[in-house]
Protein backbone atom coordinates (compact mmCIF):
# COMPACT_ATOMS: atom_id res chain seq x y z
CA MET A 1 0.03 -0.08 -0.27
CA PRO A 2 1.56 3.32 -1.37
CA ALA A 3 2.26 5.76 1.80
CA LYS A 4 -0.16 8.51 1.91
CA VAL A 5 1.65 12.05 2.18
CA PRO A 6 -0.20 14.57 3.95
CA ASN A 7 -1.07 18.05 2.88
CA PRO A 8 2.79 20.19 2.86
CA ARG A 9 2.99 23.49 4.58
CA LYS A 10 2.81 26.75 2.16
CA GLN A 11 5.47 29.37 2.12
CA PHE A 12 2.83 32.16 1.37
CA GLN A 13 0.84 31.20 4.55
CA PHE A 14 2.47 33.20 7.27
CA THR A 15 2.19 36.75 9.19
CA ILE A 16 4.69 38.63 11.37
CA ILE A 17 4.02 40.68 14.37
CA ILE A 18 6.46 43.40 14.87
CA PRO A 19 5.79 46.51 16.46
CA GLY A 20 5.44 49.19 13.65
CA LEU A 21 5.21 46.69 10.94
CA ASN A 22 2.37 46.45 8.91
CA PRO A 23 1.98 42.59 8.54
CA PHE A 24 0.93 42.69 4.79
CA LEU A 25 3.83 44.49 3.63
CA ALA A 26 6.14 41.57 4.78
CA GLN A 27 7.31 39.73 1.59
CA GLU A 28 9.87 37.06 2.86
CA VAL A 29 10.94 36.10 6.68
CA LYS A 30 13.70 33.92 6.89
CA LEU A 31 13.66 32.19 10.84
CA PRO A 32 16.64 32.15 12.50
CA ASP A 33 19.25 29.29 12.52
CA VAL A 34 19.99 27.68 16.20
CA ASP A 35 23.49 26.54 16.74
CA PHE A 36 25.05 25.14 19.66
CA ASP A 37 29.06 25.26 20.69
CA VAL A 38 30.32 21.87 20.85
CA GLN A 39 33.10 21.30 23.97
CA GLU A 40 34.97 18.19 23.55
CA HIS A 41 36.04 16.36 26.82
CA GLY A 42 38.83 13.94 27.23
CA ASP A 43 37.86 10.34 28.57
CA THR A 44 40.62 7.80 28.14
CA ASN A 45 41.12 6.83 24.70
CA PHE A 46 37.99 9.15 23.07
CA GLN A 47 36.58 12.50 22.98
CA VAL A 48 33.23 13.24 24.57
CA LYS A 49 31.47 16.16 23.29
CA THR A 50 28.96 18.29 25.01
CA ALA A 51 26.19 20.78 24.01
CA GLY A 52 27.82 24.24 25.11
CA GLN A 53 25.88 28.02 24.28
CA VAL A 54 23.24 28.26 22.25
CA LYS A 55 23.46 30.88 19.50
CA TYR A 56 20.83 32.46 17.61
CA GLY A 57 21.22 33.69 13.90
CA THR A 58 19.38 36.75 12.81
CA LEU A 59 15.77 37.22 11.86
CA GLN A 60 15.57 38.51 8.35
CA VAL A 61 12.41 39.99 6.96
CA SER A 62 11.74 41.77 3.40
CA LYS A 63 9.20 43.94 3.25
CA ILE A 64 7.72 46.20 0.34
CA GLN A 65 8.00 49.90 0.58
CA PRO A 66 4.68 51.63 0.19
CA ALA A 67 4.67 54.39 -2.77
CA THR A 68 2.22 56.53 -0.59
CA GLY A 69 2.77 57.44 3.01
CA LEU A 70 5.37 57.42 5.51
CA ASP A 71 7.16 54.27 6.45
CA VAL A 72 9.59 55.10 8.62
CA PHE A 73 9.43 53.04 11.76
CA MET A 74 12.75 51.30 11.33
CA GLU A 75 14.62 54.21 10.78
CA ASN A 76 12.78 55.48 14.39
CA TRP A 77 13.57 52.35 15.93
CA ALA A 78 17.19 52.44 14.52
CA ARG A 79 17.80 56.13 16.16
CA ARG A 80 16.29 54.29 19.86
CA ILE A 81 19.20 52.39 19.70
CA GLN A 82 21.96 54.22 18.20
CA ASN A 83 21.47 58.15 17.82
CA THR A 84 24.44 59.95 15.91
CA LEU A 85 22.98 63.37 16.63
CA THR A 86 22.85 62.69 20.37
CA GLY A 87 25.87 60.74 20.97
CA GLY A 88 23.84 57.63 22.56
CA GLY A 89 20.70 55.64 22.80
CA GLU A 90 18.14 54.09 24.71
CA LEU A 91 18.83 51.19 27.44
CA PRO A 92 18.21 47.98 25.86
CA SER A 93 15.32 46.90 28.08
CA GLN A 94 13.70 50.26 26.14
CA TYR A 95 14.24 49.51 22.65
CA LYS A 96 14.26 45.47 22.84
CA GLU A 97 10.62 44.06 21.46
CA GLN A 98 9.29 40.76 20.65
CA ALA A 99 8.32 39.57 17.54
CA ILE A 100 6.05 36.75 16.63
CA VAL A 101 5.99 34.70 13.26
CA GLU A 102 2.60 32.31 12.79
CA GLU A 103 2.15 29.75 10.13
CA PHE A 104 -1.46 28.94 8.95
CA SER A 105 -2.97 25.96 7.80
CA SER A 106 -4.38 25.59 4.38
CA ASP A 107 -7.73 27.70 5.24
CA GLY A 108 -5.11 30.88 6.26
CA ILE A 109 -6.82 31.21 9.46
CA THR A 110 -5.75 28.52 11.67
CA VAL A 111 -2.50 28.68 13.01
CA ILE A 112 -0.29 25.53 13.12
CA GLN A 113 2.92 27.00 14.26
CA ARG A 114 3.70 30.04 16.30
CA HIS A 115 7.68 31.24 16.64
CA ILE A 116 8.01 33.98 19.34
CA TYR A 117 11.37 35.82 19.79
CA SER A 118 12.11 37.59 22.90
CA GLY A 119 14.46 40.75 22.71
CA VAL A 120 14.39 41.48 19.21
CA TRP A 121 16.11 44.77 17.57
CA PRO A 122 16.97 46.03 14.43
CA SER A 123 21.17 45.22 13.40
CA LYS A 124 21.22 45.66 10.27
CA LEU A 125 19.12 47.84 7.44
CA ASN A 126 20.35 47.05 4.09
CA GLY A 127 20.02 48.93 1.03
CA LYS A 128 17.45 49.16 -1.57
CA ASP A 129 18.21 48.60 -4.90
CA LEU A 130 16.99 51.33 -7.21
CA SER A 131 16.87 50.67 -11.22
CA ARG A 132 15.57 52.41 -14.20
CA LYS A 133 15.42 49.30 -16.30
CA GLY A 134 13.51 47.13 -13.57
CA SER A 135 9.82 47.27 -12.53
CA GLU A 136 9.71 45.12 -9.35
CA ASN A 137 8.59 46.49 -6.42
CA THR A 138 10.99 48.10 -4.00
CA ILE A 139 12.13 45.97 -1.10
CA HIS A 140 13.53 46.67 2.49
CA SER A 141 15.66 44.18 3.81
CA ILE A 142 16.19 44.36 7.68
CA GLU A 143 18.27 41.81 10.29
CA PHE A 144 16.88 41.44 13.84
CA CYS A 145 18.95 40.25 16.49
CA ILE A 146 17.20 38.07 18.97
CA ASP A 147 18.12 37.14 22.45
CA GLU A 148 15.89 34.10 22.47
CA ILE A 149 13.05 31.67 21.25
CA LEU A 150 10.40 31.36 23.65
């Protein structure tokens, strides 16, 4: 009897919740990688490996920039982290936020998995590409550092 393949998840069935970000502008989200340091210890004639610290990669979001209206929440958030005009920034407890990525089932409503990240702040605002030879949407890419996956 052949194996029955369940319905696969679709990439486009997601939403992202970050304060100030319109979730419908987010076109792509790459969830962070999780790495563990490997520590080696000697035990007679072989090495034993144990886990060390956990390291989280960045949460990456690519979003459309709307043609009308102001969309400067990222720039304002970046100024809260480090403001070159004042020579400083806010305390981490004031600029770190929480981010949630939800994956939906095929009905587009039921949440089948929720990824919650704490201590989120933008660590890199990637420049956008402008070209007179293209008709693609203008995309703004942002990388967020995270402290922990909840």
